[in-house]
Protein backbone atom coordinates (compact mmCIF):
# COMPACT_ATOMS: atom_id res chain seq x y z
CA MET A 1 -2.87 -12.93 23.37
CA THR A 2 -6.37 -12.02 22.24
CA THR A 3 -6.61 -10.80 18.64
CA GLU A 4 -7.96 -7.33 17.88
CA LEU A 5 -11.06 -8.72 16.17
CA ALA A 6 -11.83 -11.10 19.04
CA PHE A 7 -11.41 -8.36 21.63
CA ILE A 8 -13.71 -5.97 19.73
CA ALA A 9 -16.27 -8.76 19.38
CA ALA A 10 -16.22 -9.20 23.17
CA LEU A 11 -16.58 -5.45 23.70
CA ARG A 12 -19.78 -5.40 21.64
CA ALA A 13 -21.58 -7.17 24.48
CA LEU A 14 -20.79 -4.15 26.68
CA ALA A 15 -21.35 -1.38 24.10
CA THR A 16 -25.14 -1.59 24.11
CA HIS A 17 -25.84 2.16 23.96
CA PRO A 18 -27.30 3.07 20.53
CA GLY A 19 -24.70 5.80 20.17
CA ALA A 20 -21.98 3.13 20.00
CA ARG A 21 -23.40 1.96 16.66
CA GLY A 22 -22.45 -1.60 17.56
CA LEU A 23 -18.75 -0.63 17.41
CA ASP A 24 -19.06 -0.99 13.64
CA ASP A 25 -18.46 2.67 12.79
CA ASP A 26 -15.71 5.28 12.93
CA CYS A 27 -17.32 7.26 15.76
CA ALA A 28 -19.90 7.25 18.52
CA LEU A 29 -22.89 9.60 18.54
CA LEU A 30 -24.63 11.38 21.44
CA GLU A 31 -27.84 13.38 21.05
CA ILE A 32 -27.70 16.44 23.34
CA GLY A 33 -29.87 19.54 23.25
CA GLY A 34 -30.96 19.17 19.66
CA GLU A 35 -27.40 18.58 18.46
CA THR A 36 -25.53 15.38 17.68
CA LEU A 37 -22.07 15.12 19.21
CA VAL A 38 -19.62 12.90 17.33
CA LEU A 39 -16.86 11.29 19.39
CA THR A 40 -13.83 9.21 18.50
CA HIS A 41 -10.63 8.00 20.15
CA ASP A 42 -7.46 6.70 18.51
CA ALA A 43 -4.17 5.62 20.05
CA MET A 44 -0.64 5.47 18.65
CA VAL A 45 2.24 3.36 19.98
CA GLU A 46 5.94 3.87 19.31
CA GLY A 47 7.31 1.17 17.03
CA VAL A 48 3.83 0.30 15.73
CA HIS A 49 2.31 3.55 14.46
CA PHE A 50 5.45 5.69 14.33
CA LEU A 51 9.19 5.13 14.25
CA ALA A 52 11.19 5.16 17.48
CA GLY A 53 13.41 8.02 16.32
CA GLN A 54 10.71 9.98 14.51
CA ASP A 55 10.33 13.71 15.12
CA ARG A 56 7.73 14.01 17.87
CA ALA A 57 6.33 17.17 16.25
CA ASP A 58 5.24 15.00 13.32
CA VAL A 59 3.87 12.38 15.72
CA ALA A 60 1.73 15.01 17.45
CA TRP A 61 0.41 16.27 14.11
CA LYS A 62 -0.50 12.76 13.01
CA LEU A 63 -2.22 11.96 16.30
CA VAL A 64 -4.53 14.94 15.84
CA ALA A 65 -5.03 14.40 12.11
CA THR A 66 -5.97 10.72 12.35
CA ASN A 67 -8.64 11.42 14.95
CA LEU A 68 -10.05 14.32 12.95
CA SER A 69 -10.17 12.01 9.93
CA ASP A 70 -12.72 9.90 11.81
CA LEU A 71 -14.81 13.03 12.36
CA ALA A 72 -14.48 13.85 8.66
CA ALA A 73 -16.00 10.47 7.80
CA LYS A 74 -19.14 11.55 9.70
CA GLY A 75 -19.26 15.03 8.19
CA ALA A 76 -18.58 16.50 11.63
CA ALA A 77 -17.11 19.87 12.52
CA PRO A 78 -14.40 19.54 15.22
CA LEU A 79 -15.17 21.09 18.63
CA GLY A 80 -12.10 20.04 20.60
CA VAL A 81 -9.69 17.28 21.60
CA LEU A 82 -8.54 15.56 24.82
CA LEU A 83 -4.95 14.29 24.97
CA GLY A 84 -3.60 11.21 26.73
CA TYR A 85 0.20 11.57 26.83
CA GLN A 86 3.04 9.39 28.13
CA LEU A 87 6.01 11.60 28.97
CA GLY A 88 9.13 10.91 26.93
CA ALA A 89 12.46 12.26 25.78
CA ASN A 90 11.13 14.77 23.22
CA ASP A 91 8.17 16.39 24.96
CA ALA A 92 9.07 19.89 23.76
CA ARG A 93 8.96 18.86 20.11
CA PHE A 94 5.65 17.07 20.68
CA LEU A 95 4.19 20.28 22.11
CA GLU A 96 5.43 22.25 19.09
CA GLY A 97 3.79 19.84 16.67
CA LEU A 98 0.61 19.73 18.72
CA ALA A 99 0.34 23.52 18.61
CA GLU A 100 0.87 23.48 14.83
CA ALA A 101 -1.86 20.88 14.30
CA LEU A 102 -4.38 22.59 16.59
CA LYS A 103 -3.84 25.86 14.73
CA ALA A 104 -3.93 24.27 11.27
CA PHE A 105 -7.23 22.50 11.93
CA ASP A 106 -8.70 25.25 14.13
CA VAL A 107 -9.49 22.90 17.00
CA PRO A 108 -8.91 23.62 20.72
CA LEU A 109 -7.22 21.40 23.28
CA LEU A 110 -9.77 20.89 26.06
CA GLY A 111 -7.82 18.71 28.51
CA GLY A 112 -6.68 15.13 28.99
CA ASP A 113 -4.11 13.31 31.12
CA THR A 114 -0.35 12.79 31.34
CA VAL A 115 1.45 9.74 32.71
CA GLY A 116 5.01 8.52 33.14
CA GLY A 117 6.30 5.11 32.25
CA ALA A 118 9.07 3.11 30.67
CA GLY A 119 9.08 1.28 27.35
CA PRO A 120 7.59 2.36 24.02
CA GLN A 121 5.71 5.64 24.21
CA SER A 122 1.91 5.35 24.05
CA LEU A 123 -0.32 8.26 23.05
CA GLY A 124 -4.07 8.72 22.77
CA LEU A 125 -6.45 11.42 21.63
CA THR A 126 -10.21 11.85 21.90
CA ALA A 127 -11.79 14.13 19.31
CA ILE A 128 -15.22 15.68 19.77
CA GLY A 129 -17.23 17.07 16.89
CA ARG A 130 -20.67 18.38 15.99
CA ALA A 131 -22.65 16.71 13.24
CA THR A 132 -23.31 19.12 10.38
CA HIS A 133 -25.98 16.88 8.87
CA ARG A 134 -28.44 14.39 10.29
CA PRO A 135 -28.78 11.51 9.96
CA VAL A 136 -25.03 11.18 10.42
CA PRO A 137 -23.48 8.99 7.69
CA SER A 138 -22.50 5.48 8.73
CA ARG A 139 -20.66 2.61 7.12
CA GLY A 140 -23.91 0.72 6.78
CA GLY A 141 -26.04 2.54 4.23
CA ALA A 142 -24.68 1.36 0.86
CA ARG A 143 -27.27 -0.39 -1.33
CA GLY A 144 -27.22 -2.20 -4.63
CA GLY A 145 -26.77 0.19 -7.56
CA ASP A 146 -24.87 2.81 -5.57
CA GLU A 147 -21.53 4.04 -6.86
CA VAL A 148 -18.28 3.68 -4.91
CA TRP A 149 -16.02 6.74 -4.72
CA LEU A 150 -12.67 7.69 -3.22
CA THR A 151 -11.22 11.12 -2.48
CA GLY A 152 -7.57 11.63 -3.33
CA ALA A 153 -5.10 8.81 -3.93
CA VAL A 154 -3.50 5.90 -2.08
CA GLY A 155 0.11 4.88 -1.62
CA GLY A 156 1.48 8.24 -0.56
CA ALA A 157 1.96 7.24 3.07
CA MET A 158 3.56 3.93 2.08
CA VAL A 159 6.14 5.66 -0.09
CA GLY A 160 6.58 8.41 2.50
CA LEU A 161 7.54 5.89 5.18
CA GLU A 162 10.01 4.24 2.81
CA ARG A 163 11.58 7.63 2.12
CA LEU A 164 11.66 8.49 5.81
CA ARG A 165 13.46 5.25 6.63
CA ALA A 166 15.91 5.85 3.79
CA GLY A 167 16.54 9.40 4.97
CA SER A 168 15.81 10.97 1.60
CA GLY A 169 12.83 12.21 -0.39
CA GLU A 170 9.49 13.81 0.45
CA SER A 171 7.64 12.04 3.28
CA THR A 172 4.91 14.52 4.21
CA ALA A 173 2.07 12.16 3.26
CA TYR A 174 3.20 9.75 5.97
CA ARG A 175 4.34 12.28 8.57
CA ARG A 176 1.59 14.89 8.30
CA PRO A 177 -1.65 13.64 6.74
CA VAL A 178 -4.52 16.09 6.31
CA PRO A 179 -8.05 14.97 7.26
CA ARG A 180 -10.74 15.54 4.64
CA LEU A 181 -12.95 17.64 6.91
CA ALA A 182 -14.42 19.95 4.26
CA GLU A 183 -15.05 17.04 1.91
CA GLY A 184 -16.78 15.06 4.65
CA GLN A 185 -19.11 17.92 5.45
CA ALA A 186 -19.96 18.40 1.77
CA LEU A 187 -20.64 14.68 1.36
CA ALA A 188 -22.65 14.13 4.55
CA PRO A 189 -26.05 15.05 3.02
CA LEU A 190 -25.45 12.81 -0.02
CA ALA A 191 -23.31 9.83 0.95
CA THR A 192 -25.24 6.63 1.56
CA ALA A 193 -22.20 5.23 3.43
CA MET A 194 -18.85 6.74 4.30
CA MET A 195 -15.65 5.96 6.22
CA ASP A 196 -12.02 7.00 6.18
CA VAL A 197 -9.26 4.83 4.72
CA SER A 198 -6.83 4.18 7.56
CA ASP A 199 -6.01 0.47 7.42
CA GLY A 200 -5.90 -0.12 3.65
CA LEU A 201 -8.42 0.56 0.91
CA LEU A 202 -9.30 -3.10 0.37
CA LEU A 203 -9.73 -3.89 4.06
CA ASP A 204 -11.78 -0.77 4.71
CA ALA A 205 -13.92 -1.45 1.63
CA LEU A 206 -14.64 -4.92 3.00
CA ARG A 207 -15.64 -3.37 6.33
CA LEU A 208 -18.04 -1.03 4.56
CA ALA A 209 -19.45 -3.95 2.58
CA ARG A 210 -19.99 -5.95 5.77
CA ALA A 211 -21.64 -3.06 7.58
CA SER A 212 -23.93 -2.52 4.58
CA THR A 213 -24.58 -6.26 4.02
CA ALA A 214 -23.72 -5.64 0.38
CA CYS A 215 -20.96 -6.43 -2.11
CA LEU A 216 -18.54 -3.74 -3.26
CA ALA A 217 -17.33 -4.42 -6.79
CA LEU A 218 -14.09 -2.46 -7.20
CA ASP A 219 -12.14 -1.71 -10.35
CA THR A 220 -8.73 -1.43 -8.71
CA ALA A 221 -7.17 -0.14 -11.94
CA LEU A 222 -9.20 3.06 -11.46
CA VAL A 223 -7.83 3.77 -7.97
CA PRO A 224 -5.49 6.78 -8.21
CA LEU A 225 -1.93 6.31 -6.95
CA ALA A 226 -0.22 9.15 -5.11
CA CYS A 227 3.08 8.88 -7.00
CA PRO A 228 4.82 6.69 -9.60
CA GLU A 229 6.71 4.85 -6.84
CA ALA A 230 3.49 3.56 -5.27
CA ARG A 231 3.16 -0.11 -6.18
CA ARG A 232 -0.54 -0.68 -6.82
CA ALA A 233 -0.96 -4.09 -5.18
CA GLU A 234 0.75 -2.89 -2.00
CA ALA A 235 -0.79 0.60 -2.01
CA LEU A 236 -4.31 -0.89 -2.01
CA ARG A 237 -3.50 -2.71 1.24
CA TRP A 238 -1.06 -0.42 3.01
CA GLY A 239 -3.29 2.21 4.62
CA ASP A 240 -2.46 5.44 6.48
CA ASP A 241 -3.79 7.51 3.56
CA TYR A 242 -6.82 9.00 5.41
CA GLU A 243 -8.89 9.53 2.31
CA LEU A 244 -12.68 9.12 2.34
CA LEU A 245 -14.32 6.02 0.89
CA PHE A 246 -18.00 6.66 0.21
CA THR A 247 -21.01 5.61 -1.80
CA LEU A 248 -23.52 7.74 -3.70
CA ARG A 249 -26.80 6.93 -5.35
CA SER A 250 -26.39 6.13 -9.03
CA GLY A 251 -26.22 9.32 -11.07
CA ALA A 252 -25.85 11.64 -8.07
CA ALA A 253 -23.44 14.52 -8.66
CA CYS A 254 -20.35 14.20 -6.49
CA PRO A 255 -19.77 17.56 -4.71
CA VAL A 256 -16.04 17.04 -4.09
CA ARG A 257 -13.01 16.06 -6.13
CA ALA A 258 -13.06 12.27 -6.10
CA THR A 259 -12.76 9.20 -8.33
CA ARG A 260 -15.43 6.60 -8.95
CA ILE A 261 -13.80 3.21 -8.30
CA GLY A 262 -16.69 0.75 -8.29
CA THR A 263 -20.32 -0.20 -7.83
CA VAL A 264 -22.36 -1.64 -4.98
CA LEU A 265 -24.01 -4.98 -5.70
CA ASP A 266 -26.76 -6.66 -3.69
CA GLY A 267 -24.60 -9.70 -2.98
CA PRO A 268 -22.91 -11.81 -1.91
CA ALA A 269 -23.42 -9.76 1.25
CA GLY A 270 -20.34 -8.56 3.09
CA THR A 271 -17.86 -9.22 0.30
CA LEU A 272 -15.63 -7.55 -2.25
CA ARG A 273 -15.66 -8.36 -5.95
CA ILE A 274 -12.40 -7.64 -7.75
CA GLY A 275 -12.49 -8.81 -11.34
CA ASN A 276 -14.06 -12.25 -11.24
CA SER A 277 -12.96 -12.95 -7.67
CA ILE A 278 -15.19 -12.72 -4.60
CA ILE A 279 -13.29 -11.88 -1.41
CA GLU A 280 -14.87 -12.75 1.93
CA SER A 281 -11.89 -12.85 4.31
CA ALA A 282 -10.06 -9.80 5.67
CA GLU A 283 -6.78 -11.72 5.76
CA ASN A 284 -3.95 -9.90 3.96
CA LEU A 285 -6.24 -7.05 2.86
CA GLY A 286 -4.71 -4.41 5.13
CA PHE A 287 -3.34 -3.56 8.56
CA GLN A 288 -4.76 -5.39 11.58
CA HIS A 289 -3.31 -5.77 15.08
CA SER A 290 -2.53 -9.44 15.74
């Protein structure tokens, strides 16, 4: 079976439109009538992205939230979503959770498609937004001397899933993440690079470093943990936290509540520096589909 990275590399030969940003960013951009539309699509599969017996209301919420998190990383204001839905055993609960998420994030459902089928349930959502600032932030603008920042904390989703599996304790961080839409819009005029943390802080930091052809030097001891149960080494790699990772020019005032966790260096390009170690490979840094 083709690996995720190999398949995306093959897709780049087809994604030649400038709005695709070389498939190196969170979203695609379309210039229409003096506005920039921001588009993203994420899918979730039962047994991979959510538990087989998980409340489908929570699954619906997370499907909306994770797509809106991509819009947040571009400083976009949501305009609507399109749903791709495989019918299952708990459709009524999914609809309840979907209604809750649409209301909470003030975003309309514009359409989509439904299908039947056997096997693990597969869901998809396309989110459409409007850029609130141009140029729209990308992953590729970090330069030597910039500061590396992170909103919120990591590890909450990891611990939440453990609690959900155990059947005890608070698991909201895993079940119902909240996209940083307001923070993204506040950061859009200032951030030199920005993306959301979905697959693990270290892996996503390496992706930002590669897109920016720079080196991100991280002080992992400064990264806030969501709770005492979050084990730092695992929390840095686990993902599903949907915080914003961004860079600012040195000395720039950060307009949102965030923590400075590192510095951008000129090189080695496309790497992470943690302590005295230079990391070039994405292996074991976070979640990747095999």
